[in-house]
């Protein structure tokens, strides 16, 4: 399971989430912003597409109160690349 635009493999909890959603290893996914950048696609063409899953990424962020760096979760939706490419 990988990001179609970047080629990066998903890891950790995200792989489990995608497996539970019924996707096979080796399947590709994109975020909405990445899908819109694909040739021949626009936001209008993607209207109504269902997300494959919500994944999580942890980013380091400075806590304003304590001044320490903490890992904060950032959630994002991914879409099945096959469904996205069908809308060209």
N, C-alpha and C. Protein backbone atom coordinates (compact mmCIF):
# COMPACT_ATOMS: atom_id res chain seq x y z
N UNK A 1 0.83 -1.16 0.00
CA UNK A 1 0.00 0.00 0.00
C UNK A 1 0.89 1.23 0.00
N UNK A 2 0.62 2.10 -0.96
CA UNK A 2 1.53 3.22 -1.15
C UNK A 2 0.76 4.46 -1.62
N UNK A 3 1.42 5.61 -1.50
CA UNK A 3 0.88 6.84 -2.02
C UNK A 3 1.26 6.91 -3.49
N UNK A 4 0.28 6.99 -4.36
CA UNK A 4 0.49 6.97 -5.80
C UNK A 4 1.32 8.17 -6.26
N UNK A 5 1.11 9.33 -5.67
CA UNK A 5 1.81 10.54 -6.10
C UNK A 5 3.26 10.58 -5.66
N UNK A 6 3.53 10.16 -4.43
CA UNK A 6 4.89 10.26 -3.90
C UNK A 6 5.66 8.96 -4.02
N UNK A 7 4.96 7.84 -4.11
CA UNK A 7 5.62 6.54 -4.16
C UNK A 7 5.98 5.99 -2.79
N UNK A 8 5.68 6.75 -1.73
CA UNK A 8 6.01 6.31 -0.36
C UNK A 8 5.05 5.23 0.12
N UNK A 9 5.61 4.24 0.78
CA UNK A 9 4.80 3.16 1.36
C UNK A 9 4.16 3.64 2.66
N UNK A 10 2.91 3.23 2.90
CA UNK A 10 2.28 3.50 4.19
C UNK A 10 2.86 2.54 5.21
N UNK A 11 2.87 2.95 6.47
CA UNK A 11 3.44 2.10 7.50
C UNK A 11 2.60 2.17 8.76
N UNK A 12 2.91 1.29 9.69
CA UNK A 12 2.30 1.29 11.00
C UNK A 12 0.79 1.10 10.99
N UNK A 13 0.13 1.91 11.77
CA UNK A 13 -1.31 1.82 11.95
C UNK A 13 -2.08 2.03 10.64
N UNK A 14 -1.53 2.85 9.76
CA UNK A 14 -2.20 3.15 8.50
C UNK A 14 -2.38 1.91 7.63
N UNK A 15 -1.41 1.02 7.64
CA UNK A 15 -1.52 -0.22 6.87
C UNK A 15 -2.68 -1.05 7.42
N UNK A 16 -2.77 -1.14 8.73
CA UNK A 16 -3.86 -1.88 9.36
C UNK A 16 -5.22 -1.31 9.02
N UNK A 17 -5.32 0.01 9.00
CA UNK A 17 -6.58 0.67 8.67
C UNK A 17 -7.00 0.32 7.25
N UNK A 18 -6.05 0.36 6.31
CA UNK A 18 -6.37 0.06 4.92
C UNK A 18 -6.69 -1.42 4.71
N UNK A 19 -6.00 -2.30 5.43
CA UNK A 19 -6.31 -3.73 5.34
C UNK A 19 -7.72 -4.01 5.86
N UNK A 20 -8.09 -3.36 6.98
CA UNK A 20 -9.43 -3.54 7.54
C UNK A 20 -10.50 -3.01 6.60
N UNK A 21 -10.15 -2.02 5.79
CA UNK A 21 -11.10 -1.46 4.83
C UNK A 21 -11.27 -2.37 3.61
N UNK A 22 -10.46 -3.45 3.54
CA UNK A 22 -10.61 -4.43 2.46
C UNK A 22 -9.66 -4.27 1.29
N UNK A 23 -8.65 -3.46 1.42
CA UNK A 23 -7.70 -3.27 0.33
C UNK A 23 -6.54 -4.25 0.44
N UNK A 24 -6.02 -4.64 -0.71
CA UNK A 24 -4.92 -5.60 -0.79
C UNK A 24 -3.57 -4.88 -0.72
N UNK A 25 -2.53 -5.54 -0.23
CA UNK A 25 -1.18 -4.95 -0.27
C UNK A 25 -0.79 -4.61 -1.71
N UNK A 26 -0.08 -3.50 -1.89
CA UNK A 26 0.32 -3.07 -3.22
C UNK A 26 -0.65 -2.11 -3.87
N UNK A 27 -1.73 -1.78 -3.19
CA UNK A 27 -2.74 -0.88 -3.73
C UNK A 27 -2.31 0.57 -3.57
N UNK A 28 -2.71 1.46 -4.47
CA UNK A 28 -2.32 2.86 -4.43
C UNK A 28 -3.44 3.78 -3.96
N UNK A 29 -3.05 4.88 -3.32
CA UNK A 29 -4.00 5.85 -2.78
C UNK A 29 -3.46 7.25 -3.00
N UNK A 30 -4.35 8.24 -3.01
CA UNK A 30 -3.96 9.65 -3.10
C UNK A 30 -4.87 10.47 -2.19
N UNK A 31 -4.37 11.64 -1.77
CA UNK A 31 -5.21 12.59 -1.07
C UNK A 31 -5.99 13.38 -2.12
N UNK A 32 -6.96 14.17 -1.70
CA UNK A 32 -7.76 14.94 -2.64
C UNK A 32 -6.89 15.94 -3.40
N UNK A 33 -6.02 16.65 -2.69
CA UNK A 33 -5.16 17.64 -3.34
C UNK A 33 -4.24 16.99 -4.37
N UNK A 34 -3.76 15.79 -4.07
CA UNK A 34 -2.90 15.09 -5.03
C UNK A 34 -3.71 14.63 -6.23
N UNK A 35 -4.96 14.22 -6.02
CA UNK A 35 -5.81 13.75 -7.11
C UNK A 35 -6.12 14.89 -8.08
N UNK A 36 -6.36 16.08 -7.57
CA UNK A 36 -6.68 17.23 -8.42
C UNK A 36 -5.49 17.61 -9.30
N UNK A 37 -4.28 17.33 -8.86
CA UNK A 37 -3.08 17.66 -9.62
C UNK A 37 -2.79 16.65 -10.73
N UNK A 38 -3.48 15.50 -10.74
CA UNK A 38 -3.27 14.52 -11.80
C UNK A 38 -3.81 15.07 -13.11
N UNK A 39 -3.14 14.77 -14.23
CA UNK A 39 -3.59 15.29 -15.53
C UNK A 39 -5.01 14.84 -15.87
N UNK A 40 -5.82 15.77 -16.32
CA UNK A 40 -7.17 15.45 -16.77
C UNK A 40 -8.21 15.39 -15.66
N UNK A 41 -7.84 15.74 -14.44
CA UNK A 41 -8.79 15.69 -13.34
C UNK A 41 -9.00 17.08 -12.75
N UNK A 42 -10.18 17.28 -12.20
CA UNK A 42 -10.49 18.53 -11.52
C UNK A 42 -11.38 18.21 -10.33
N UNK A 43 -11.60 19.20 -9.50
CA UNK A 43 -12.46 19.00 -8.35
C UNK A 43 -13.88 18.64 -8.76
N UNK A 44 -14.34 19.20 -9.87
CA UNK A 44 -15.69 18.89 -10.35
C UNK A 44 -15.82 17.42 -10.75
N UNK A 45 -14.79 16.89 -11.39
CA UNK A 45 -14.83 15.48 -11.81
C UNK A 45 -14.79 14.53 -10.61
N UNK A 46 -14.20 14.99 -9.51
CA UNK A 46 -14.08 14.15 -8.32
C UNK A 46 -15.25 14.31 -7.36
N UNK A 47 -16.19 15.17 -7.71
CA UNK A 47 -17.33 15.42 -6.83
C UNK A 47 -18.08 14.12 -6.55
N UNK A 48 -18.32 13.86 -5.28
CA UNK A 48 -19.08 12.69 -4.88
C UNK A 48 -18.26 11.43 -4.64
N UNK A 49 -16.96 11.48 -4.89
CA UNK A 49 -16.12 10.29 -4.67
C UNK A 49 -16.03 10.00 -3.18
N UNK A 50 -16.07 8.74 -2.83
CA UNK A 50 -16.02 8.33 -1.43
C UNK A 50 -14.58 8.06 -1.02
N UNK A 51 -14.23 8.48 0.18
CA UNK A 51 -12.87 8.24 0.67
C UNK A 51 -12.68 6.77 0.98
N UNK A 52 -11.46 6.30 0.81
CA UNK A 52 -11.14 4.90 1.11
C UNK A 52 -10.96 4.73 2.61
N UNK A 53 -10.31 5.70 3.25
CA UNK A 53 -10.04 5.62 4.69
C UNK A 53 -9.52 6.95 5.20
N UNK A 54 -9.57 7.11 6.51
CA UNK A 54 -8.93 8.25 7.17
C UNK A 54 -7.66 7.74 7.83
N UNK A 55 -6.54 8.31 7.46
CA UNK A 55 -5.26 7.89 8.00
C UNK A 55 -4.71 8.97 8.93
N UNK A 56 -3.67 8.60 9.68
CA UNK A 56 -3.10 9.54 10.64
C UNK A 56 -1.60 9.67 10.42
N UNK A 57 -1.11 10.89 10.62
CA UNK A 57 0.32 11.18 10.56
C UNK A 57 0.65 12.03 11.77
N UNK A 58 1.74 11.73 12.44
CA UNK A 58 2.13 12.49 13.62
C UNK A 58 3.19 13.51 13.24
N UNK A 59 2.97 14.76 13.62
CA UNK A 59 3.91 15.83 13.32
C UNK A 59 4.39 16.45 14.63
N UNK A 60 5.64 16.89 14.63
CA UNK A 60 6.19 17.54 15.81
C UNK A 60 5.70 18.98 15.85
N UNK A 61 5.23 19.38 17.03
CA UNK A 61 4.71 20.72 17.18
C UNK A 61 5.15 21.27 18.53
N UNK A 62 5.49 22.53 18.58
CA UNK A 62 5.94 23.16 19.81
C UNK A 62 4.73 23.55 20.65
N UNK A 63 4.70 23.06 21.91
CA UNK A 63 3.63 23.39 22.84
C UNK A 63 3.89 24.80 23.37
N UNK A 64 2.93 25.69 23.19
CA UNK A 64 3.12 27.10 23.57
C UNK A 64 3.20 27.29 25.08
N UNK A 65 2.58 26.39 25.85
CA UNK A 65 2.57 26.54 27.31
C UNK A 65 3.87 26.02 27.91
N UNK A 66 4.26 24.80 27.57
CA UNK A 66 5.43 24.18 28.18
C UNK A 66 6.72 24.47 27.41
N UNK A 67 6.61 24.80 26.13
CA UNK A 67 7.79 25.05 25.32
C UNK A 67 8.46 23.79 24.82
N UNK A 68 7.84 22.64 25.03
CA UNK A 68 8.41 21.36 24.59
C UNK A 68 7.78 20.94 23.27
N UNK A 69 8.56 20.16 22.50
CA UNK A 69 8.02 19.60 21.27
C UNK A 69 7.18 18.38 21.59
N UNK A 70 6.01 18.31 21.00
CA UNK A 70 5.12 17.17 21.17
C UNK A 70 4.70 16.65 19.81
N UNK A 71 4.37 15.37 19.75
CA UNK A 71 3.85 14.79 18.52
C UNK A 71 2.33 14.91 18.55
N UNK A 72 1.79 15.58 17.54
CA UNK A 72 0.36 15.79 17.43
C UNK A 72 -0.16 15.02 16.22
N UNK A 73 -1.33 14.37 16.35
CA UNK A 73 -1.87 13.65 15.20
C UNK A 73 -2.50 14.59 14.17
N UNK A 74 -2.30 14.29 12.92
CA UNK A 74 -2.95 14.98 11.80
C UNK A 74 -3.67 13.92 10.99
N UNK A 75 -4.97 14.07 10.86
CA UNK A 75 -5.78 13.10 10.14
C UNK A 75 -6.02 13.59 8.71
N UNK A 76 -6.01 12.66 7.78
CA UNK A 76 -6.26 13.00 6.39
C UNK A 76 -6.95 11.83 5.69
N UNK A 77 -7.72 12.17 4.67
CA UNK A 77 -8.47 11.16 3.91
C UNK A 77 -7.68 10.77 2.68
N UNK A 78 -7.77 9.50 2.33
CA UNK A 78 -7.15 9.01 1.10
C UNK A 78 -8.22 8.38 0.22
N UNK A 79 -7.96 8.40 -1.08
CA UNK A 79 -8.90 7.87 -2.06
C UNK A 79 -8.22 6.79 -2.88
N UNK A 80 -8.98 5.78 -3.26
CA UNK A 80 -8.51 4.67 -4.07
C UNK A 80 -8.09 5.22 -5.44
N UNK A 81 -6.87 4.98 -5.84
CA UNK A 81 -6.35 5.52 -7.10
C UNK A 81 -7.14 4.99 -8.30
N UNK A 82 -7.62 3.76 -8.24
CA UNK A 82 -8.40 3.21 -9.36
C UNK A 82 -9.70 3.98 -9.55
N UNK A 83 -10.38 4.32 -8.46
CA UNK A 83 -11.62 5.10 -8.55
C UNK A 83 -11.35 6.52 -9.06
N UNK A 84 -10.23 7.08 -8.64
CA UNK A 84 -9.87 8.43 -9.08
C UNK A 84 -9.59 8.43 -10.57
N UNK A 85 -8.81 7.47 -11.06
CA UNK A 85 -8.45 7.44 -12.47
C UNK A 85 -9.64 7.12 -13.38
N UNK A 86 -10.67 6.46 -12.87
CA UNK A 86 -11.88 6.17 -13.65
C UNK A 86 -12.64 7.44 -13.99
N UNK A 87 -12.41 8.51 -13.27
CA UNK A 87 -13.16 9.76 -13.47
C UNK A 87 -12.50 10.70 -14.46
N UNK A 88 -11.43 10.28 -15.09
CA UNK A 88 -10.76 11.14 -16.10
C UNK A 88 -11.67 11.41 -17.25
